[in-house]
Protein backbone atom coordinates (compact mmCIF):
# COMPACT_ATOMS: atom_id res chain seq x y z
CA UNK A 1 3.02 30.86 -17.08
CA UNK A 2 1.89 29.69 -13.56
CA UNK A 3 2.61 26.14 -12.37
CA UNK A 4 -0.96 24.86 -12.84
CA UNK A 5 -1.17 26.13 -16.44
CA UNK A 6 2.32 24.70 -17.12
CA UNK A 7 1.36 21.32 -15.68
CA UNK A 8 -1.82 21.21 -17.71
CA UNK A 9 0.09 22.00 -20.89
CA UNK A 10 3.01 19.72 -20.53
CA UNK A 11 2.20 16.85 -18.15
CA UNK A 12 0.16 13.99 -19.41
CA UNK A 13 -3.45 14.30 -18.41
CA UNK A 14 -3.62 11.19 -16.27
CA UNK A 15 -4.46 12.90 -12.92
CA UNK A 16 -7.55 14.77 -11.93
CA UNK A 17 -5.62 17.11 -9.71
CA UNK A 18 -7.18 19.19 -6.89
CA UNK A 19 -6.83 22.93 -7.42
CA UNK A 20 -4.03 23.12 -4.96
CA UNK A 21 -0.28 23.52 -5.30
CA UNK A 22 1.70 22.27 -2.32
CA UNK A 23 4.99 24.05 -2.01
CA UNK A 24 6.26 23.08 1.42
CA UNK A 25 5.26 21.41 4.76
CA UNK A 26 6.37 20.11 8.06
CA UNK A 27 4.99 16.97 9.72
CA UNK A 28 1.27 16.77 9.09
CA UNK A 29 0.94 20.40 7.96
CA UNK A 30 1.43 21.38 4.27
CA UNK A 31 1.38 24.92 2.81
CA UNK A 32 0.18 26.11 -0.58
CA UNK A 33 1.51 28.80 -2.82
CA UNK A 34 -0.56 31.51 -1.03
CA UNK A 35 0.78 30.55 2.32
CA UNK A 36 -2.44 28.77 3.52
CA UNK A 37 -1.90 25.70 5.69
CA UNK A 38 -3.65 22.36 5.57
CA UNK A 39 -3.78 19.43 7.96
CA UNK A 40 -2.79 16.48 5.67
CA UNK A 41 -4.76 13.30 6.28
CA UNK A 42 -3.49 11.73 2.99
CA UNK A 43 0.33 11.64 3.50
CA UNK A 44 0.90 11.31 -0.23
CA UNK A 45 -1.47 8.34 -0.40
CA UNK A 46 0.15 6.45 2.55
CA UNK A 47 3.70 7.30 1.55
CA UNK A 48 4.90 9.94 4.06
CA UNK A 49 5.07 7.70 7.01
CA UNK A 50 6.27 10.44 9.38
CA UNK A 51 4.85 13.30 7.54
CA UNK A 52 6.52 15.86 5.47
CA UNK A 53 10.20 16.94 5.94
CA UNK A 54 10.78 14.60 8.87
CA UNK A 55 14.23 15.58 10.25
CA UNK A 56 15.35 12.06 11.29
CA UNK A 57 14.48 10.70 7.85
CA UNK A 58 16.13 13.65 6.07
CA UNK A 59 19.40 13.12 7.96
CA UNK A 60 19.55 9.45 6.93
CA UNK A 61 18.89 10.25 3.22
CA UNK A 62 21.35 13.19 3.14
CA UNK A 63 24.06 11.16 4.79
CA UNK A 64 23.75 8.50 2.11
CA UNK A 65 23.60 11.10 -0.62
CA UNK A 66 27.05 12.29 0.55
CA UNK A 67 28.46 8.79 0.02
CA UNK A 68 26.99 7.31 -3.18
CA UNK A 69 23.53 8.09 -4.74
CA UNK A 70 23.41 5.13 -6.93
CA UNK A 71 25.23 2.01 -8.13
CA UNK A 72 23.99 -0.83 -10.23
CA UNK A 73 23.07 -4.21 -8.76
CA UNK A 74 26.30 -5.60 -10.16
CA UNK A 75 27.87 -4.42 -6.83
CA UNK A 76 27.02 -4.68 -3.14
CA UNK A 77 25.89 -1.76 -1.10
CA UNK A 78 25.39 -1.71 2.69
CA UNK A 79 21.90 -0.03 2.83
CA UNK A 80 20.35 -2.72 0.46
CA UNK A 81 21.76 -5.59 2.56
CA UNK A 82 20.92 -4.05 5.94
CA UNK A 83 17.32 -3.25 4.94
CA UNK A 84 16.75 -6.75 3.58
CA UNK A 85 18.10 -8.21 6.85
CA UNK A 86 15.72 -5.96 8.87
CA UNK A 87 12.72 -6.98 6.86
CA UNK A 88 13.45 -10.71 7.10
CA UNK A 89 14.13 -10.46 10.87
CA UNK A 90 10.85 -8.45 11.52
CA UNK A 91 8.65 -10.80 9.44
CA UNK A 92 10.19 -14.25 9.40
CA UNK A 93 10.55 -14.13 5.68
CA UNK A 94 13.77 -15.38 4.07
CA UNK A 95 14.74 -13.23 1.02
CA UNK A 96 13.80 -9.70 -0.39
CA UNK A 97 13.81 -8.52 -3.94
CA UNK A 98 13.79 -4.65 -4.18
CA UNK A 99 12.11 -2.64 -6.86
CA UNK A 100 10.66 0.84 -7.31
CA UNK A 101 6.97 0.59 -6.67
CA UNK A 102 4.10 -1.44 -5.53
CA UNK A 103 3.11 -2.59 -8.99
CA UNK A 104 6.65 -3.81 -9.54
CA UNK A 105 6.67 -5.62 -6.16
CA UNK A 106 3.44 -7.38 -7.26
CA UNK A 107 4.94 -8.26 -10.66
CA UNK A 108 7.84 -9.94 -8.90
CA UNK A 109 5.48 -11.78 -6.60
CA UNK A 110 3.50 -13.07 -9.58
CA UNK A 111 6.67 -14.15 -11.38
CA UNK A 112 7.89 -16.00 -8.30
CA UNK A 113 4.55 -17.74 -7.77
CA UNK A 114 4.38 -18.94 -11.48
CA UNK A 115 7.97 -20.23 -11.45
CA UNK A 116 7.33 -22.09 -8.21
CA UNK A 117 4.19 -23.67 -9.46
CA UNK A 118 5.76 -24.60 -12.72
CA UNK A 119 8.58 -26.40 -10.95
CA UNK A 120 6.41 -28.15 -8.36
CA UNK A 121 3.17 -28.88 -10.34
CA UNK A 122 3.86 -28.28 -13.95
CA UNK A 123 4.02 -25.36 -16.43
CA UNK A 124 0.20 -25.38 -16.84
CA UNK A 125 -0.27 -24.15 -13.25
CA UNK A 126 -0.27 -20.48 -14.04
CA UNK A 127 -3.56 -19.08 -12.70
CA UNK A 128 -3.51 -16.41 -9.97
CA UNK A 129 -6.82 -16.04 -8.08
CA UNK A 130 -7.41 -12.52 -6.85
CA UNK A 131 -10.52 -10.78 -5.38
CA UNK A 132 -13.23 -8.59 -6.87
CA UNK A 133 -12.70 -4.89 -5.88
CA UNK A 134 -8.98 -5.56 -5.40
CA UNK A 135 -6.34 -3.14 -6.76
CA UNK A 136 -2.77 -4.50 -7.51
CA UNK A 137 -1.20 -1.88 -9.88
CA UNK A 138 -1.39 -0.26 -13.25
CA UNK A 139 1.00 -2.36 -15.38
CA UNK A 140 -0.79 -4.65 -17.87
CA UNK A 141 -0.18 -7.68 -15.57
CA UNK A 142 -1.12 -6.04 -12.32
CA UNK A 143 -4.17 -4.51 -14.04
CA UNK A 144 -5.20 -8.06 -14.97
CA UNK A 145 -4.76 -9.04 -11.35
CA UNK A 146 -6.93 -6.05 -10.31
CA UNK A 147 -10.53 -7.15 -9.73
CA UNK A 148 -12.14 -4.00 -11.09
CA UNK A 149 -13.29 -3.90 -14.62
CA UNK A 150 -13.34 -0.16 -14.80
CA UNK A 151 -9.49 -0.30 -14.94
CA UNK A 152 -9.50 -2.92 -17.70
CA UNK A 153 -11.36 -1.09 -20.53
CA UNK A 154 -9.17 0.45 -23.36
CA UNK A 155 -6.10 -1.70 -22.38
CA UNK A 156 -7.11 -5.15 -23.79
CA UNK A 157 -5.70 -7.69 -24.11
CA UNK A 158 -4.45 -7.90 -20.56
CA UNK A 159 -2.01 -10.53 -19.39
CA UNK A 160 -3.91 -13.81 -19.26
CA UNK A 161 -4.02 -16.18 -16.27
CA UNK A 162 -6.01 -14.18 -13.63
CA UNK A 163 -9.47 -14.95 -12.32
CA UNK A 164 -11.36 -13.17 -9.53
CA UNK A 165 -13.41 -14.46 -6.55
CA UNK A 166 -15.82 -12.56 -4.28
CA UNK A 167 -14.15 -11.13 -1.15
CA UNK A 168 -15.32 -12.85 2.08
CA UNK A 169 -16.90 -15.75 0.11
CA UNK A 170 -14.70 -18.79 0.75
CA UNK A 171 -16.84 -21.00 -1.14
CA UNK A 172 -16.58 -18.93 -4.21
CA UNK A 173 -12.74 -18.75 -3.93
CA UNK A 174 -12.65 -22.53 -3.48
CA UNK A 175 -14.64 -22.94 -6.63
CA UNK A 176 -12.27 -20.66 -8.65
CA UNK A 177 -9.23 -22.64 -7.32
CA UNK A 178 -10.89 -25.96 -8.21
CA UNK A 179 -11.81 -24.70 -11.70
CA UNK A 180 -8.29 -23.51 -12.65
CA UNK A 181 -4.74 -24.80 -12.36
CA UNK A 182 -3.86 -22.42 -9.64
CA UNK A 183 -0.41 -21.10 -8.82
CA UNK A 184 -1.33 -18.64 -6.07
CA UNK A 185 -4.15 -16.63 -4.39
CA UNK A 186 -3.25 -12.92 -4.04
CA UNK A 187 -5.15 -10.54 -1.78
CA UNK A 188 -5.15 -7.20 0.15
CA UNK A 189 -5.97 -7.61 3.73
CA UNK A 190 -7.78 -4.23 3.46
CA UNK A 191 -8.98 -3.48 -0.10
CA UNK A 192 -7.89 0.17 -0.41
CA UNK A 193 -8.91 1.41 -3.88
CA UNK A 194 -11.92 -0.96 -3.64
CA UNK A 195 -13.46 0.96 -0.82
CA UNK A 196 -11.16 0.55 2.25
CA UNK A 197 -12.75 -2.75 3.36
CA UNK A 198 -11.03 -5.10 5.60
CA UNK A 199 -11.42 -8.88 4.90
CA UNK A 200 -13.09 -10.99 7.48
CA UNK A 201 -11.02 -13.05 9.83
CA UNK A 202 -12.64 -16.41 9.00
CA UNK A 203 -12.26 -15.79 5.25
CA UNK A 204 -8.50 -14.86 5.55
CA UNK A 205 -7.77 -17.93 7.71
CA UNK A 206 -9.84 -20.16 5.46
CA UNK A 207 -7.89 -19.00 2.33
CA UNK A 208 -4.61 -19.54 4.23
CA UNK A 209 -5.75 -23.08 5.16
CA UNK A 210 -6.75 -23.91 1.64
CA UNK A 211 -3.49 -22.65 0.23
CA UNK A 212 -1.46 -24.65 2.70
CA UNK A 213 -3.42 -27.96 2.01
CA UNK A 214 -3.07 -27.64 -1.71
CA UNK A 215 0.38 -26.17 -1.93
CA UNK A 216 -0.90 -23.01 -3.49
CA UNK A 217 1.17 -19.85 -2.71
CA UNK A 218 -0.48 -17.17 -0.65
CA UNK A 219 0.52 -13.69 -1.66
CA UNK A 220 -0.31 -10.71 0.60
CA UNK A 221 -0.34 -7.28 -1.21
CA UNK A 222 0.69 -4.91 1.65
CA UNK A 223 1.56 -1.95 -0.64
CA UNK A 224 -0.69 0.48 1.01
CA UNK A 225 -1.51 -1.14 4.36
CA UNK A 226 1.95 -2.32 5.31
CA UNK A 227 4.77 -0.67 7.22
CA UNK A 228 2.86 0.01 10.41
CA UNK A 229 -0.30 1.58 8.91
CA UNK A 230 -2.58 -1.26 10.05
CA UNK A 231 -1.42 -0.93 13.72
CA UNK A 232 0.94 -3.85 13.29
CA UNK A 233 4.00 -3.98 11.04
CA UNK A 234 2.01 -5.71 8.27
CA UNK A 235 -1.76 -6.12 8.03
CA UNK A 236 -1.73 -9.95 7.68
CA UNK A 237 -0.27 -10.13 11.21
CA UNK A 238 -3.72 -9.23 12.65
CA UNK A 239 -5.03 -12.49 11.14
CA UNK A 240 -2.59 -15.04 12.47
CA UNK A 241 -1.46 -16.27 9.03
CA UNK A 242 1.94 -16.65 7.37
CA UNK A 243 1.95 -15.71 3.65
CA UNK A 244 4.41 -17.24 1.22
CA UNK A 245 5.02 -13.85 -0.45
CA UNK A 246 4.48 -10.34 0.75
CA UNK A 247 4.64 -7.24 -1.51
CA UNK A 248 5.02 -3.73 -0.05
CA UNK A 249 5.98 -0.20 -1.15
CA UNK A 250 4.51 3.25 -0.41
CA UNK A 251 5.30 3.88 3.29
CA UNK A 252 8.38 1.62 3.36
CA UNK A 253 10.80 4.48 2.44
CA UNK A 254 8.64 7.36 3.85
CA UNK A 255 8.79 9.45 0.71
CA UNK A 256 11.12 7.97 -1.94
CA UNK A 257 10.28 5.24 -4.41
CA UNK A 258 10.94 1.82 -3.10
CA UNK A 259 9.14 -1.53 -3.52
CA UNK A 260 9.97 -4.83 -1.86
CA UNK A 261 8.84 -8.42 -2.48
CA UNK A 262 9.42 -10.60 0.66
CA UNK A 263 9.81 -14.30 -0.09
CA UNK A 264 9.08 -16.95 2.46
CA UNK A 265 10.36 -20.52 3.03
CA UNK A 266 8.86 -21.94 -0.07
CA UNK A 267 9.86 -19.22 -2.36
CA UNK A 268 13.22 -18.08 -1.04
CA UNK A 269 15.25 -19.75 -3.76
CA UNK A 270 12.80 -19.77 -6.67
CA UNK A 271 14.22 -16.75 -8.39
CA UNK A 272 17.81 -17.38 -9.52
CA UNK A 273 20.43 -15.50 -11.55
CA UNK A 274 18.95 -13.39 -14.35
CA UNK A 275 15.24 -14.40 -13.49
CA UNK A 276 14.45 -10.86 -12.47
CA UNK A 277 16.17 -7.55 -11.98
CA UNK A 278 15.85 -3.78 -11.58
CA UNK A 279 18.13 -0.78 -12.36
CA UNK A 280 16.94 1.30 -9.40
CA UNK A 281 15.78 -1.42 -7.09
CA UNK A 282 17.71 -1.38 -3.84
CA UNK A 283 18.96 2.11 -4.55
CA UNK A 284 21.17 3.00 -1.61
CA UNK A 285 19.55 6.35 -0.86
CA UNK A 286 16.08 4.94 -0.86
CA UNK A 287 17.25 1.97 1.25
CA UNK A 288 18.78 4.29 3.69
CA UNK A 289 15.53 6.23 3.94
CA UNK A 290 13.72 2.90 4.50
CA UNK A 291 16.16 1.75 7.20
CA UNK A 292 15.34 5.02 9.11
CA UNK A 293 11.62 4.54 8.70
CA UNK A 294 11.51 0.75 9.51
CA UNK A 295 13.73 1.25 12.61
CA UNK A 296 11.18 3.70 14.00
CA UNK A 297 8.14 1.51 13.48
CA UNK A 298 8.34 0.00 16.96
CA UNK A 299 5.63 -1.10 19.49
CA UNK A 300 5.14 2.40 20.89
CA UNK A 301 4.55 3.79 17.44
CA UNK A 302 2.18 0.98 16.59
CA UNK A 303 0.22 1.52 19.76
CA UNK A 304 -0.02 5.15 18.76
CA UNK A 305 -1.50 4.09 15.41
CA UNK A 306 -4.12 2.02 17.13
CA UNK A 307 -4.95 4.86 19.55
CA UNK A 308 -5.37 7.25 16.71
CA UNK A 309 -7.43 4.76 14.74
CA UNK A 310 -9.84 4.32 17.66
CA UNK A 311 -10.13 8.10 18.00
CA UNK A 312 -11.04 8.49 14.42
CA UNK A 313 -13.64 5.69 14.50
CA UNK A 314 -15.19 6.74 17.77
CA UNK A 315 -15.38 10.38 16.68
CA UNK A 316 -17.04 9.69 13.23
CA UNK A 317 -19.23 6.74 14.05
CA UNK A 318 -22.88 7.79 14.44
CA UNK A 319 -22.24 11.43 13.45
CA UNK A 320 -24.82 13.05 11.20
CA UNK A 321 -24.13 12.21 7.47
CA UNK A 322 -21.74 9.35 8.31
CA UNK A 323 -23.09 5.95 7.29
CA UNK A 324 -20.14 3.77 8.22
CA UNK A 325 -16.38 3.79 8.95
CA UNK A 326 -14.38 0.90 7.50
CA UNK A 327 -10.76 -0.23 7.27
CA UNK A 328 -7.93 -0.91 9.79
CA UNK A 329 -5.52 1.15 11.70
CA UNK A 330 -4.87 4.55 9.92
CA UNK A 331 -6.30 3.23 6.59
CA UNK A 332 -9.88 4.08 6.98
CA UNK A 333 -12.85 4.77 4.70
CA UNK A 334 -15.85 6.97 5.58
CA UNK A 335 -19.12 6.23 3.81
CA UNK A 336 -21.04 9.49 3.71
CA UNK A 337 -24.55 10.51 2.81
CA UNK A 338 -23.22 13.41 0.80
CA UNK A 339 -21.12 12.61 -2.34
CA UNK A 340 -17.55 12.09 -1.24
CA UNK A 341 -16.29 14.80 -3.57
CA UNK A 342 -18.50 17.38 -1.76
CA UNK A 343 -17.11 16.40 1.62
CA UNK A 344 -13.48 16.55 0.25
CA UNK A 345 -14.06 19.98 -1.24
CA UNK A 346 -15.52 21.40 1.98
CA UNK A 347 -12.71 19.94 4.03
CA UNK A 348 -10.10 21.46 1.72
CA UNK A 349 -11.88 24.87 1.97
CA UNK A 350 -11.51 24.52 5.76
CA UNK A 351 -7.88 23.57 5.63
CA UNK A 352 -7.94 19.72 5.81
CA UNK A 353 -6.89 17.37 3.02
CA UNK A 354 -8.60 14.00 2.67
CA UNK A 355 -8.78 11.57 -0.22
CA UNK A 356 -11.45 9.30 -1.90
CA UNK A 357 -11.74 5.56 -2.68
CA UNK A 358 -14.63 3.92 -4.37
CA UNK A 359 -17.11 6.57 -3.44
CA UNK A 360 -15.85 6.92 0.15
CA UNK A 361 -13.79 9.56 1.91
CA UNK A 362 -10.35 7.94 2.58
CA UNK A 363 -8.12 8.78 5.49
CA UNK A 364 -4.41 7.94 5.45
CA UNK A 365 -2.63 10.32 7.89
CA UNK A 366 0.94 10.06 8.91
CA UNK A 367 1.49 7.44 11.55
CA UNK A 368 2.60 10.00 14.09
CA UNK A 369 0.09 12.86 13.40
CA UNK A 370 -0.08 14.88 16.56
CA UNK A 371 -3.39 14.18 18.49
CA UNK A 372 -4.29 17.91 18.63
CA UNK A 373 -4.02 18.20 14.90
CA UNK A 374 -5.98 15.01 14.35
CA UNK A 375 -8.80 16.13 16.58
CA UNK A 376 -8.82 19.56 14.83
CA UNK A 377 -8.95 17.86 11.35
CA UNK A 378 -11.82 15.43 12.54
CA UNK A 379 -13.91 18.37 13.78
CA UNK A 380 -13.74 19.84 10.27
CA UNK A 381 -14.57 16.37 8.74
CA UNK A 382 -17.53 15.91 11.01
CA UNK A 383 -18.87 19.32 10.05
CA UNK A 384 -18.35 18.51 6.32
CA UNK A 385 -20.21 15.32 6.55
CA UNK A 386 -23.29 16.77 8.30
């Protein structure tokens, strides 16, 4: 039985997989079972920060594997503490809770926001306002937070206490806040699964001002955009705001599962003993990988992200079949005249892997993808769009 048949027979049918088996790779090149190579512009959906089989990352992970691969959170480990310190020092946040995924990081953010509001305003202040076209995860609670009804069907009743406002419509958001006893506003600076659309500067700053005035917590979901992908360490930094809570995951560890919820001044001490927990959160191997990843996201790398982003936007904008290019940094969406699926299939045939989001072609390359490979891949994409 070949791998594809075995997968179809024994793995739950929750993924519409491409007809491609990846068996190995190096950097931004991956290889299938026939030996054909592809330029990877997806990086495991923004996970493989430095591409596949990065040697510096591997060494950090292997070194920790040789010491201890796991211990429960009943004990201290150095990688967990060091990573939390690094995150706080790089962001100005005060505490970190570690989990396994972006959805779990958002669950923690929601719990912290509700407990803060209950203590400060009263237990009736439970509502979290999110945005239409947002995506915050696939648990019942983070699905409720997600502002896309297509994800809600078949899973009712979802967790109550979430309402949605229109993105970039400050008056609508103010109306939702006024109509509900609001604990927090939660938003992605770039709505990834919702079409790779960056929020407008005035809107984001207006939301931050409103939250500050009314002592409503501001949660920034940086699960996909964070950890250098925007061209700054976290996407909210482009907007001159300071969130109360930041959630992140995906590229933080560069290939192993790790989520983090960063708690600011207001929320640093909200969660106390037994309020929250995780068996694998803060796993020493994952944290060692994340320390390696985060230590390399420096200003030269971030400048490289911005340079690569500019190249992509300039190369694609105005080309035949390209209607628009949206997003920020190396999280970009390409609106095409052809169906996105047709563009993706043609790119794959020509040895380039791209993704989709809300009817657009989505680009999430490794942050250090070599310029020559990027140019080669873009030439294929331009041809596929025409």
